[in-house]
Amino acid sequence: MPLTRDDVVREAVEVIDANGLAGLTLRGLAKRLGVSAPTLYWHVTDKRHLLDLVAENVLAELPARRAPAEGEPVLDWLADGIRVRRAALLAHRDSVLVVAGNRPTEDALPEIERTIAALVGAGLAPGEAVQVLTALGSFLLGDVLETQAALDRPPGDVRPPHTEYPHLVAATEGFGDDDERFETGLALMLDGLRARLATRAAPGSAAT
């Protein structure tokens, strides 16, 4: 069966999942696929083009953001969508390094329009809604990057001496895991948005 671009992209995703982004080379990918490098260039022009295609593949796996249910607070809806996307990104090694900096495709515009409309309905101006989504997206990518980067760290206990840094020691003992860190950061951001919306929410709105 002739090699297709989809075959190339799927194999690239498998390489990244197994070896990280640093382990992906066009020469190595061609060898895994059992083809020559010139054959691979029939499907991708260079590594940047390949990574763009891999990013599209990873983003395509993200579930479409559902519309808020009737009576559902907009902030609860936002938080649910971010949690779903975090889980999807964590499913692929180095996913943030692949997708960071990508811009929405035309196919994504209807969903983005619905999301902005929901935030405008909660009391934000359209441009403000985009800023909120960008800020939350940046937080999400940063959290996933930190979580995935920790996988490459060797295990070890780096606790400082109790007598020299008692507050730091107490903090490390109560810091929690990656999921707790994420939930704390998400809550802090949404608390700020909740406070902003409270100053302009119309009677009967479901922003909280």
N, C-alpha and C. Protein backbone atom coordinates (compact mmCIF):
# COMPACT_ATOMS: atom_id res chain seq x y z
N MET A 1 0.85 -1.20 0.00
CA MET A 1 0.00 0.00 0.00
C MET A 1 0.88 1.25 0.00
N PRO A 2 0.62 2.20 -0.86
CA PRO A 2 1.46 3.40 -0.95
C PRO A 2 1.43 4.19 0.37
N LEU A 3 2.57 4.79 0.67
CA LEU A 3 2.68 5.63 1.86
C LEU A 3 1.85 6.90 1.67
N THR A 4 1.13 7.30 2.72
CA THR A 4 0.33 8.52 2.67
C THR A 4 0.85 9.52 3.69
N ARG A 5 0.42 10.76 3.56
CA ARG A 5 0.82 11.78 4.53
C ARG A 5 0.30 11.42 5.91
N ASP A 6 -0.91 10.86 5.99
CA ASP A 6 -1.45 10.46 7.29
C ASP A 6 -0.55 9.41 7.95
N ASP A 7 0.01 8.49 7.13
CA ASP A 7 0.92 7.49 7.68
C ASP A 7 2.14 8.17 8.30
N VAL A 8 2.66 9.16 7.60
CA VAL A 8 3.85 9.88 8.07
C VAL A 8 3.54 10.58 9.39
N VAL A 9 2.40 11.25 9.47
CA VAL A 9 2.05 12.01 10.67
C VAL A 9 1.81 11.06 11.84
N ARG A 10 1.09 9.97 11.61
CA ARG A 10 0.83 9.02 12.70
C ARG A 10 2.14 8.45 13.25
N GLU A 11 3.07 8.13 12.35
CA GLU A 11 4.35 7.57 12.80
C GLU A 11 5.13 8.63 13.58
N ALA A 12 5.08 9.87 13.14
CA ALA A 12 5.77 10.95 13.85
C ALA A 12 5.22 11.12 15.26
N VAL A 13 3.90 11.04 15.41
CA VAL A 13 3.28 11.14 16.73
C VAL A 13 3.76 10.00 17.62
N GLU A 14 3.87 8.79 17.06
CA GLU A 14 4.34 7.65 17.85
C GLU A 14 5.79 7.84 18.29
N VAL A 15 6.61 8.40 17.41
CA VAL A 15 8.01 8.65 17.77
C VAL A 15 8.08 9.66 18.91
N ILE A 16 7.32 10.74 18.82
CA ILE A 16 7.35 11.76 19.87
C ILE A 16 6.84 11.20 21.19
N ASP A 17 5.76 10.41 21.14
CA ASP A 17 5.23 9.81 22.36
C ASP A 17 6.26 8.91 23.03
N ALA A 18 7.06 8.21 22.22
CA ALA A 18 8.02 7.25 22.76
C ALA A 18 9.34 7.91 23.17
N ASN A 19 9.81 8.87 22.37
CA ASN A 19 11.16 9.38 22.55
C ASN A 19 11.24 10.89 22.79
N GLY A 20 10.11 11.58 22.76
CA GLY A 20 10.12 13.02 22.90
C GLY A 20 10.39 13.71 21.58
N LEU A 21 10.15 15.00 21.56
CA LEU A 21 10.33 15.76 20.33
C LEU A 21 11.77 15.72 19.84
N ALA A 22 12.72 15.70 20.78
CA ALA A 22 14.13 15.66 20.40
C ALA A 22 14.49 14.38 19.65
N GLY A 23 13.69 13.33 19.83
CA GLY A 23 13.97 12.06 19.17
C GLY A 23 13.42 11.95 17.76
N LEU A 24 12.76 13.01 17.29
CA LEU A 24 12.16 12.97 15.95
C LEU A 24 13.10 13.61 14.94
N THR A 25 13.54 12.83 13.97
CA THR A 25 14.29 13.35 12.84
C THR A 25 13.67 12.80 11.56
N LEU A 26 13.82 13.53 10.49
CA LEU A 26 13.26 13.05 9.22
C LEU A 26 13.97 11.79 8.75
N ARG A 27 15.27 11.72 8.94
CA ARG A 27 16.01 10.53 8.54
C ARG A 27 15.54 9.30 9.33
N GLY A 28 15.40 9.49 10.65
CA GLY A 28 14.94 8.38 11.48
C GLY A 28 13.51 7.98 11.16
N LEU A 29 12.68 8.97 10.88
CA LEU A 29 11.29 8.68 10.54
C LEU A 29 11.20 7.90 9.23
N ALA A 30 11.98 8.29 8.25
CA ALA A 30 11.99 7.58 6.98
C ALA A 30 12.41 6.12 7.17
N LYS A 31 13.40 5.91 8.03
CA LYS A 31 13.86 4.55 8.29
C LYS A 31 12.78 3.71 8.94
N ARG A 32 12.07 4.29 9.91
CA ARG A 32 10.97 3.57 10.57
C ARG A 32 9.87 3.21 9.59
N LEU A 33 9.63 4.09 8.63
CA LEU A 33 8.58 3.85 7.64
C LEU A 33 9.04 2.95 6.50
N GLY A 34 10.33 2.64 6.47
CA GLY A 34 10.85 1.77 5.44
C GLY A 34 10.96 2.42 4.07
N VAL A 35 11.18 3.73 4.08
CA VAL A 35 11.30 4.46 2.81
C VAL A 35 12.58 5.29 2.84
N SER A 36 12.95 5.81 1.69
CA SER A 36 14.11 6.69 1.61
C SER A 36 13.69 8.10 1.99
N ALA A 37 14.68 8.92 2.36
CA ALA A 37 14.38 10.30 2.71
C ALA A 37 13.72 11.06 1.57
N PRO A 38 14.17 10.90 0.31
CA PRO A 38 13.48 11.59 -0.79
C PRO A 38 12.01 11.23 -0.90
N THR A 39 11.67 9.96 -0.59
CA THR A 39 10.26 9.57 -0.63
C THR A 39 9.47 10.33 0.42
N LEU A 40 10.07 10.52 1.60
CA LEU A 40 9.38 11.25 2.67
C LEU A 40 9.08 12.68 2.23
N TYR A 41 9.96 13.28 1.46
CA TYR A 41 9.77 14.67 1.03
C TYR A 41 8.65 14.84 0.01
N TRP A 42 8.11 13.74 -0.47
CA TRP A 42 6.91 13.85 -1.29
C TRP A 42 5.71 14.25 -0.42
N HIS A 43 5.81 14.00 0.88
CA HIS A 43 4.67 14.22 1.79
C HIS A 43 4.86 15.41 2.72
N VAL A 44 6.11 15.72 3.08
CA VAL A 44 6.40 16.88 3.93
C VAL A 44 7.59 17.61 3.34
N THR A 45 7.55 18.92 3.40
CA THR A 45 8.62 19.69 2.77
C THR A 45 9.86 19.78 3.67
N ASP A 46 9.65 19.81 4.99
CA ASP A 46 10.76 19.87 5.94
C ASP A 46 10.22 19.53 7.32
N LYS A 47 11.07 19.59 8.34
CA LYS A 47 10.65 19.20 9.69
C LYS A 47 9.59 20.15 10.23
N ARG A 48 9.73 21.46 9.92
CA ARG A 48 8.72 22.42 10.40
C ARG A 48 7.36 22.08 9.84
N HIS A 49 7.30 21.73 8.57
CA HIS A 49 6.04 21.33 7.96
C HIS A 49 5.49 20.09 8.65
N LEU A 50 6.37 19.13 8.94
CA LEU A 50 5.93 17.92 9.63
C LEU A 50 5.36 18.25 11.01
N LEU A 51 6.04 19.14 11.74
CA LEU A 51 5.55 19.49 13.08
C LEU A 51 4.22 20.22 13.02
N ASP A 52 4.02 21.02 11.98
CA ASP A 52 2.72 21.67 11.81
C ASP A 52 1.62 20.63 11.62
N LEU A 53 1.94 19.60 10.84
CA LEU A 53 0.96 18.53 10.61
C LEU A 53 0.71 17.73 11.89
N VAL A 54 1.77 17.50 12.66
CA VAL A 54 1.61 16.79 13.94
C VAL A 54 0.77 17.61 14.90
N ALA A 55 1.00 18.93 14.92
CA ALA A 55 0.20 19.81 15.77
C ALA A 55 -1.27 19.74 15.39
N GLU A 56 -1.56 19.77 14.10
CA GLU A 56 -2.95 19.64 13.65
C GLU A 56 -3.56 18.33 14.12
N ASN A 57 -2.76 17.27 14.06
CA ASN A 57 -3.24 15.96 14.48
C ASN A 57 -3.57 15.94 15.96
N VAL A 58 -2.67 16.51 16.78
CA VAL A 58 -2.90 16.53 18.23
C VAL A 58 -4.10 17.40 18.57
N LEU A 59 -4.19 18.57 17.94
CA LEU A 59 -5.31 19.47 18.22
C LEU A 59 -6.63 18.88 17.75
N ALA A 60 -6.58 18.08 16.68
CA ALA A 60 -7.82 17.46 16.18
C ALA A 60 -8.38 16.46 17.19
N GLU A 61 -7.51 15.95 18.07
CA GLU A 61 -7.99 15.00 19.09
C GLU A 61 -8.69 15.70 20.25
N LEU A 62 -8.49 17.01 20.37
CA LEU A 62 -9.16 17.73 21.45
C LEU A 62 -10.65 17.74 21.19
N PRO A 63 -11.45 17.40 22.17
CA PRO A 63 -12.90 17.41 21.96
C PRO A 63 -13.41 18.83 21.74
N ALA A 64 -14.40 18.95 20.91
CA ALA A 64 -15.00 20.27 20.68
C ALA A 64 -15.57 20.80 21.99
N ARG A 65 -15.39 22.09 22.22
CA ARG A 65 -15.93 22.69 23.44
C ARG A 65 -17.45 22.70 23.36
N ARG A 66 -18.08 22.04 24.29
CA ARG A 66 -19.53 21.99 24.29
C ARG A 66 -20.11 23.34 24.68
N ALA A 67 -21.35 23.58 24.30
CA ALA A 67 -22.05 24.80 24.71
C ALA A 67 -22.45 24.68 26.18
N PRO A 68 -22.53 25.79 26.90
CA PRO A 68 -22.97 25.71 28.30
C PRO A 68 -24.38 25.13 28.38
N ALA A 69 -24.58 24.24 29.34
CA ALA A 69 -25.91 23.70 29.57
C ALA A 69 -26.81 24.79 30.15
N GLU A 70 -28.09 24.62 29.99
CA GLU A 70 -29.03 25.63 30.49
C GLU A 70 -28.85 25.81 31.99
N GLY A 71 -28.59 27.05 32.40
CA GLY A 71 -28.40 27.35 33.81
C GLY A 71 -27.02 27.07 34.35
N GLU A 72 -26.14 26.51 33.52
CA GLU A 72 -24.79 26.20 33.98
C GLU A 72 -23.95 27.47 34.09
N PRO A 73 -23.30 27.71 35.21
CA PRO A 73 -22.43 28.89 35.33
C PRO A 73 -21.33 28.87 34.28
N VAL A 74 -21.11 30.01 33.67
CA VAL A 74 -20.11 30.09 32.61
C VAL A 74 -18.73 29.69 33.11
N LEU A 75 -18.38 30.07 34.34
CA LEU A 75 -17.05 29.74 34.84
C LEU A 75 -16.88 28.25 35.08
N ASP A 76 -17.94 27.57 35.49
CA ASP A 76 -17.88 26.11 35.62
C ASP A 76 -17.68 25.48 34.25
N TRP A 77 -18.36 26.02 33.27
CA TRP A 77 -18.23 25.53 31.89
C TRP A 77 -16.81 25.74 31.36
N LEU A 78 -16.25 26.92 31.63
CA LEU A 78 -14.87 27.19 31.21
C LEU A 78 -13.91 26.20 31.87
N ALA A 79 -14.05 26.00 33.16
CA ALA A 79 -13.16 25.12 33.90
C ALA A 79 -13.24 23.69 33.38
N ASP A 80 -14.44 23.24 33.09
CA ASP A 80 -14.62 21.88 32.56
C ASP A 80 -13.89 21.72 31.23
N GLY A 81 -14.02 22.72 30.36
CA GLY A 81 -13.36 22.64 29.06
C GLY A 81 -11.85 22.62 29.19
N ILE A 82 -11.30 23.39 30.12
CA ILE A 82 -9.85 23.42 30.32
C ILE A 82 -9.35 22.09 30.86
N ARG A 83 -10.10 21.49 31.77
CA ARG A 83 -9.69 20.19 32.31
C ARG A 83 -9.68 19.12 31.21
N VAL A 84 -10.67 19.15 30.35
CA VAL A 84 -10.73 18.17 29.26
C VAL A 84 -9.54 18.35 28.33
N ARG A 85 -9.20 19.58 28.00
CA ARG A 85 -8.08 19.84 27.11
C ARG A 85 -6.75 19.48 27.76
N ARG A 86 -6.63 19.71 29.04
CA ARG A 86 -5.40 19.33 29.74
C ARG A 86 -5.19 17.83 29.65
N ALA A 87 -6.23 17.05 29.89
CA ALA A 87 -6.10 15.60 29.81
C ALA A 87 -5.69 15.15 28.42
N ALA A 88 -6.26 15.78 27.39
CA ALA A 88 -5.92 15.41 26.02
C ALA A 88 -4.47 15.75 25.69
N LEU A 89 -3.99 16.90 26.15
CA LEU A 89 -2.61 17.29 25.88
C LEU A 89 -1.63 16.40 26.63
N LEU A 90 -1.97 16.03 27.84
CA LEU A 90 -1.09 15.18 28.63
C LEU A 90 -0.98 13.77 28.05
N ALA A 91 -1.89 13.42 27.17
CA ALA A 91 -1.86 12.08 26.57
C ALA A 91 -0.71 11.93 25.57
N HIS A 92 -0.11 13.06 25.14
CA HIS A 92 0.99 13.01 24.17
C HIS A 92 2.22 13.71 24.74
N ARG A 93 3.33 13.02 24.73
CA ARG A 93 4.58 13.58 25.23
C ARG A 93 4.98 14.80 24.39
N ASP A 94 5.45 15.83 25.06
CA ASP A 94 5.93 17.06 24.42
C ASP A 94 4.85 17.72 23.56
N SER A 95 3.58 17.49 23.89
CA SER A 95 2.50 18.05 23.08
C SER A 95 2.53 19.57 23.04
N VAL A 96 2.89 20.20 24.16
CA VAL A 96 2.92 21.66 24.20
C VAL A 96 4.00 22.21 23.27
N LEU A 97 5.15 21.55 23.24
CA LEU A 97 6.23 22.00 22.36
C LEU A 97 5.81 21.92 20.90
N VAL A 98 4.90 21.02 20.60
CA VAL A 98 4.43 20.85 19.23
C VAL A 98 3.36 21.88 18.88
N VAL A 99 2.40 22.11 19.79
CA VAL A 99 1.23 22.93 19.44
C VAL A 99 1.38 24.40 19.80
N ALA A 100 2.33 24.75 20.69
CA ALA A 100 2.46 26.15 21.10
C ALA A 100 2.75 27.03 19.90
N GLY A 101 2.06 28.17 19.85
CA GLY A 101 2.27 29.11 18.76
C GLY A 101 1.38 28.89 17.56
N ASN A 102 0.65 27.78 17.54
CA ASN A 102 -0.25 27.55 16.41
C ASN A 102 -1.43 28.52 16.46
N ARG A 103 -1.93 28.85 15.31
CA ARG A 103 -3.07 29.74 15.21
C ARG A 103 -4.31 28.94 14.80
N PRO A 104 -5.51 29.41 15.19
CA PRO A 104 -6.72 28.67 14.86
C PRO A 104 -6.89 28.47 13.35
N THR A 105 -7.34 27.29 12.98
CA THR A 105 -7.68 27.04 11.59
C THR A 105 -9.09 27.53 11.32
N GLU A 106 -9.47 27.59 10.05
CA GLU A 106 -10.82 28.04 9.71
C GLU A 106 -11.88 27.12 10.30
N ASP A 107 -11.55 25.84 10.39
CA ASP A 107 -12.52 24.88 10.93
C ASP A 107 -12.82 25.16 12.41
N ALA A 108 -11.90 25.81 13.10
CA ALA A 108 -12.09 26.07 14.53
C ALA A 108 -12.90 27.33 14.80
N LEU A 109 -13.13 28.14 13.78
CA LEU A 109 -13.76 29.44 14.01
C LEU A 109 -15.19 29.35 14.56
N PRO A 110 -16.03 28.41 14.11
CA PRO A 110 -17.39 28.35 14.70
C PRO A 110 -17.37 28.09 16.19
N GLU A 111 -16.48 27.21 16.64
CA GLU A 111 -16.41 26.91 18.07
C GLU A 111 -15.91 28.13 18.85
N ILE A 112 -14.92 28.82 18.28
CA ILE A 112 -14.40 30.02 18.94
C ILE A 112 -15.48 31.09 19.04
N GLU A 113 -16.26 31.23 17.98
CA GLU A 113 -17.36 32.21 17.98
C GLU A 113 -18.36 31.89 19.08
N ARG A 114 -18.72 30.61 19.23
CA ARG A 114 -19.68 30.21 20.28
C ARG A 114 -19.10 30.48 21.67
N THR A 115 -17.81 30.23 21.83
CA THR A 115 -17.19 30.44 23.13
C THR A 115 -17.17 31.92 23.49
N ILE A 116 -16.78 32.75 22.55
CA ILE A 116 -16.77 34.19 22.79
C ILE A 116 -18.18 34.68 23.10
N ALA A 117 -19.17 34.17 22.36
CA ALA A 117 -20.55 34.58 22.59
C ALA A 117 -21.00 34.25 24.01
N ALA A 118 -20.58 33.09 24.52
CA ALA A 118 -20.95 32.71 25.89
C ALA A 118 -20.33 33.67 26.90
N LEU A 119 -19.09 34.07 26.67
CA LEU A 119 -18.44 34.99 27.59
C LEU A 119 -19.02 36.40 27.49
N VAL A 120 -19.37 36.81 26.28
CA VAL A 120 -20.03 38.11 26.12
C VAL A 120 -21.37 38.10 26.84
N GLY A 121 -22.08 36.98 26.75
CA GLY A 121 -23.35 36.87 27.45
C GLY A 121 -23.20 36.94 28.95
N ALA A 122 -22.01 36.58 29.45
CA ALA A 122 -21.77 36.65 30.90
C ALA A 122 -21.35 38.04 31.35
N GLY A 123 -21.04 38.93 30.39
CA GLY A 123 -20.73 40.30 30.76
C GLY A 123 -19.41 40.85 30.24
N LEU A 124 -18.67 40.06 29.47
CA LEU A 124 -17.40 40.55 28.94
C LEU A 124 -17.59 41.21 27.58
N ALA A 125 -16.72 42.16 27.26
CA ALA A 125 -16.68 42.70 25.90
C ALA A 125 -16.00 41.67 25.01
N PRO A 126 -16.27 41.66 23.69
CA PRO A 126 -15.68 40.65 22.81
C PRO A 126 -14.15 40.58 22.90
N GLY A 127 -13.48 41.73 22.84
CA GLY A 127 -12.03 41.72 22.94
C GLY A 127 -11.56 41.21 24.28
N GLU A 128 -12.29 41.54 25.32
CA GLU A 128 -11.98 41.08 26.67
C GLU A 128 -12.13 39.56 26.76
N ALA A 129 -13.13 39.03 26.10
CA ALA A 129 -13.36 37.58 26.09
C ALA A 129 -12.17 36.87 25.46
N VAL A 130 -11.64 37.42 24.37
CA VAL A 130 -10.48 36.82 23.72
C VAL A 130 -9.27 36.87 24.64
N GLN A 131 -9.11 37.98 25.37
CA GLN A 131 -8.00 38.07 26.32
C GLN A 131 -8.12 37.01 27.41
N VAL A 132 -9.33 36.78 27.89
CA VAL A 132 -9.55 35.75 28.92
C VAL A 132 -9.19 34.38 28.37
N LEU A 133 -9.65 34.07 27.18
CA LEU A 133 -9.36 32.77 26.59
C LEU A 133 -7.87 32.59 26.34
N THR A 134 -7.21 33.66 25.91
CA THR A 134 -5.76 33.60 25.67
C THR A 134 -5.01 33.36 26.97
N ALA A 135 -5.41 34.08 28.02
CA ALA A 135 -4.75 33.92 29.32
C ALA A 135 -4.94 32.51 29.87
N LEU A 136 -6.15 31.99 29.78
CA LEU A 136 -6.42 30.64 30.26
C LEU A 136 -5.66 29.61 29.41
N GLY A 137 -5.60 29.85 28.11
CA GLY A 137 -4.86 28.94 27.24
C GLY A 137 -3.37 28.94 27.56
N SER A 138 -2.82 30.11 27.85
CA SER A 138 -1.41 30.19 28.21
C SER A 138 -1.14 29.47 29.53
N PHE A 139 -2.05 29.64 30.49
CA PHE A 139 -1.92 28.92 31.76
C PHE A 139 -1.95 27.42 31.52
N LEU A 140 -2.87 26.97 30.68
CA LEU A 140 -3.00 25.54 30.40
C LEU A 140 -1.72 24.99 29.78
N LEU A 141 -1.19 25.68 28.77
CA LEU A 141 0.03 25.21 28.11
C LEU A 141 1.21 25.20 29.07
N GLY A 142 1.31 26.24 29.91
CA GLY A 142 2.39 26.28 30.88
C GLY A 142 2.31 25.16 31.89
N ASP A 143 1.10 24.85 32.34
CA ASP A 143 0.92 23.77 33.30
C ASP A 143 1.29 22.42 32.68
N VAL A 144 0.82 22.18 31.46
CA VAL A 144 1.14 20.92 30.80
C VAL A 144 2.64 20.81 30.54
N LEU A 145 3.27 21.91 30.14
CA LEU A 145 4.71 21.90 29.92
C LEU A 145 5.45 21.55 31.19
N GLU A 146 5.07 22.15 32.31
CA GLU A 146 5.72 21.87 33.59
C GLU A 146 5.50 20.41 33.99
N THR A 147 4.28 19.91 33.80
CA THR A 147 3.97 18.53 34.16
C THR A 147 4.79 17.56 33.33
N GLN A 148 4.86 17.80 32.02
CA GLN A 148 5.60 16.89 31.15
C GLN A 148 7.10 17.00 31.36
N ALA A 149 7.59 18.20 31.65
CA ALA A 149 9.02 18.37 31.89
C ALA A 149 9.47 17.59 33.11
N ALA A 150 8.58 17.46 34.09
CA ALA A 150 8.92 16.73 35.31
C ALA A 150 9.20 15.26 35.02
N LEU A 151 8.65 14.75 33.93
CA LEU A 151 8.86 13.34 33.60
C LEU A 151 10.32 13.06 33.26
N ASP A 152 11.04 14.08 32.81
CA ASP A 152 12.44 13.90 32.42
C ASP A 152 13.41 14.16 33.56
N ARG A 153 12.89 14.54 34.72
CA ARG A 153 13.76 14.79 35.86
C ARG A 153 14.04 13.48 36.59
N PRO A 154 15.27 13.27 37.01
CA PRO A 154 15.55 12.07 37.80
C PRO A 154 14.89 12.16 39.16
N PRO A 155 14.42 11.05 39.71
CA PRO A 155 13.80 11.09 41.04
C PRO A 155 14.83 11.45 42.10
N GLY A 156 14.36 12.08 43.14
CA GLY A 156 15.29 12.45 44.22
C GLY A 156 14.62 13.36 45.22
N ASP A 157 15.14 13.39 46.40
CA ASP A 157 14.61 14.23 47.46
C ASP A 157 15.47 15.49 47.55
N VAL A 158 14.86 16.64 47.29
CA VAL A 158 15.62 17.89 47.31
C VAL A 158 15.13 18.80 48.44
N ARG A 159 14.59 18.22 49.48
CA ARG A 159 14.10 19.04 50.59
C ARG A 159 15.26 19.74 51.28
N PRO A 160 15.08 21.04 51.57
CA PRO A 160 16.14 21.78 52.27
C PRO A 160 16.16 21.42 53.75
N PRO A 161 17.24 21.75 54.45
CA PRO A 161 17.30 21.47 55.90
C PRO A 161 16.17 22.16 56.65
N HIS A 162 15.57 21.44 57.59
CA HIS A 162 14.43 21.99 58.34
C HIS A 162 14.80 23.26 59.09
N THR A 163 15.96 23.29 59.67
CA THR A 163 16.31 24.42 60.54
C THR A 163 16.62 25.68 59.75
N GLU A 164 17.04 25.55 58.51
CA GLU A 164 17.47 26.72 57.76
C GLU A 164 16.32 27.40 57.01
N TYR A 165 15.39 26.59 56.49
CA TYR A 165 14.29 27.14 55.70
C TYR A 165 12.95 26.51 56.14
N PRO A 166 12.50 26.83 57.34
CA PRO A 166 11.30 26.15 57.86
C PRO A 166 10.05 26.42 57.03
N HIS A 167 9.87 27.63 56.52
CA HIS A 167 8.67 27.92 55.73
C HIS A 167 8.71 27.18 54.39
N LEU A 168 9.88 27.12 53.79
CA LEU A 168 10.01 26.40 52.53
C LEU A 168 9.76 24.92 52.71
N VAL A 169 10.26 24.36 53.79
CA VAL A 169 10.01 22.95 54.07
C VAL A 169 8.53 22.70 54.27
N ALA A 170 7.88 23.57 55.05
CA ALA A 170 6.44 23.41 55.27
C ALA A 170 5.66 23.51 53.96
N ALA A 171 6.12 24.40 53.08
CA ALA A 171 5.45 24.58 51.80
C ALA A 171 5.59 23.34 50.94
N THR A 172 6.78 22.74 50.89
CA THR A 172 6.97 21.56 50.05
C THR A 172 6.17 20.37 50.58
N GLU A 173 5.98 20.31 51.88
CA GLU A 173 5.21 19.20 52.46
C GLU A 173 3.72 19.33 52.16
N GLY A 174 3.25 20.55 51.94
CA GLY A 174 1.82 20.73 51.69
C GLY A 174 1.50 21.19 50.28
N PHE A 175 2.48 21.08 49.38
CA PHE A 175 2.30 21.62 48.03
C PHE A 175 1.31 20.79 47.21
N GLY A 176 1.34 19.49 47.37
CA GLY A 176 0.45 18.63 46.59
C GLY A 176 1.08 18.20 45.28
N ASP A 177 0.29 17.50 44.46
CA ASP A 177 0.82 16.95 43.21
C ASP A 177 0.50 17.89 42.04
N ASP A 178 0.78 17.42 40.83
CA ASP A 178 0.58 18.24 39.63
C ASP A 178 -0.89 18.64 39.45
N ASP A 179 -1.79 17.71 39.72
CA ASP A 179 -3.21 18.02 39.55
C ASP A 179 -3.66 19.08 40.54
N GLU A 180 -3.18 18.99 41.76
CA GLU A 180 -3.55 19.99 42.77
C GLU A 180 -2.99 21.36 42.40
N ARG A 181 -1.76 21.38 41.89
CA ARG A 181 -1.18 22.65 41.44
C ARG A 181 -2.02 23.26 40.33
N PHE A 182 -2.44 22.44 39.39
CA PHE A 182 -3.27 22.92 38.29
C PHE A 182 -4.59 23.48 38.80
N GLU A 183 -5.26 22.75 39.68
CA GLU A 183 -6.56 23.18 40.17
C GLU A 183 -6.44 24.48 40.98
N THR A 184 -5.36 24.63 41.73
CA THR A 184 -5.16 25.86 42.49
C THR A 184 -4.98 27.05 41.55
N GLY A 185 -4.14 26.88 40.53
CA GLY A 185 -3.92 27.96 39.57
C GLY A 185 -5.18 28.31 38.80
N LEU A 186 -5.92 27.29 38.39
CA LEU A 186 -7.18 27.52 37.66
C LEU A 186 -8.16 28.28 38.54
N ALA A 187 -8.27 27.88 39.80
CA ALA A 187 -9.20 28.56 40.72
C ALA A 187 -8.81 30.02 40.92
N LEU A 188 -7.53 30.29 41.03
CA LEU A 188 -7.08 31.67 41.20
C LEU A 188 -7.47 32.53 40.00
N MET A 189 -7.28 31.99 38.80
CA MET A 189 -7.62 32.76 37.59
C MET A 189 -9.13 32.97 37.49
N LEU A 190 -9.89 31.93 37.77
CA LEU A 190 -11.35 32.05 37.66
C LEU A 190 -11.92 32.92 38.78
N ASP A 191 -11.28 32.93 39.94
CA ASP A 191 -11.73 33.83 41.01
C ASP A 191 -11.59 35.28 40.57
N GLY A 192 -10.49 35.59 39.90
CA GLY A 192 -10.31 36.95 39.39
C GLY A 192 -11.35 37.30 38.35
N LEU A 193 -11.64 36.36 37.45
CA LEU A 193 -12.66 36.61 36.43
C LEU A 193 -14.04 36.73 37.08
N ARG A 194 -14.29 35.93 38.10
CA ARG A 194 -15.58 36.00 38.80
C ARG A 194 -15.76 37.37 39.45
N ALA A 195 -14.70 37.89 40.04
CA ALA A 195 -14.78 39.21 40.67
C ALA A 195 -15.05 40.29 39.62
N ARG A 196 -14.43 40.17 38.47
CA ARG A 196 -14.66 41.16 37.41
C ARG A 196 -16.10 41.09 36.92
N LEU A 197 -16.58 39.89 36.70
CA LEU A 197 -17.95 39.74 36.20
C LEU A 197 -18.98 40.20 37.23
N ALA A 198 -18.65 40.05 38.52
CA ALA A 198 -19.60 40.44 39.56
C ALA A 198 -19.90 41.93 39.52
N THR A 199 -18.97 42.71 38.99
CA THR A 199 -19.17 44.15 38.95
C THR A 199 -20.07 44.59 37.79
N ARG A 200 -20.34 43.67 36.89
CA ARG A 200 -21.14 44.06 35.72
C ARG A 200 -22.21 43.05 35.34
N ALA A 201 -22.34 41.98 36.13
CA ALA A 201 -23.30 40.93 35.78
C ALA A 201 -24.72 41.47 35.80
N ALA A 202 -25.47 41.11 34.80
CA ALA A 202 -26.88 41.48 34.75
C ALA A 202 -27.66 40.60 35.70
N PRO A 203 -28.80 41.09 36.20
CA PRO A 203 -29.61 40.27 37.09
C PRO A 203 -29.99 38.96 36.42
N GLY A 204 -29.82 37.85 37.16
CA GLY A 204 -30.22 36.56 36.64
C GLY A 204 -29.18 35.88 35.77
N SER A 205 -27.99 36.49 35.60
CA SER A 205 -26.96 35.85 34.77
C SER A 205 -26.38 34.65 35.50
N ALA A 206 -25.76 33.74 34.73
CA ALA A 206 -25.21 32.53 35.32
C ALA A 206 -23.70 32.52 35.20
N ALA A 207 -23.06 33.61 35.58
CA ALA A 207 -21.62 33.75 35.39
C ALA A 207 -20.82 33.10 36.51
N THR A 208 -21.40 32.96 37.69
CA THR A 208 -20.63 32.51 38.84
C THR A 208 -20.49 31.00 38.89
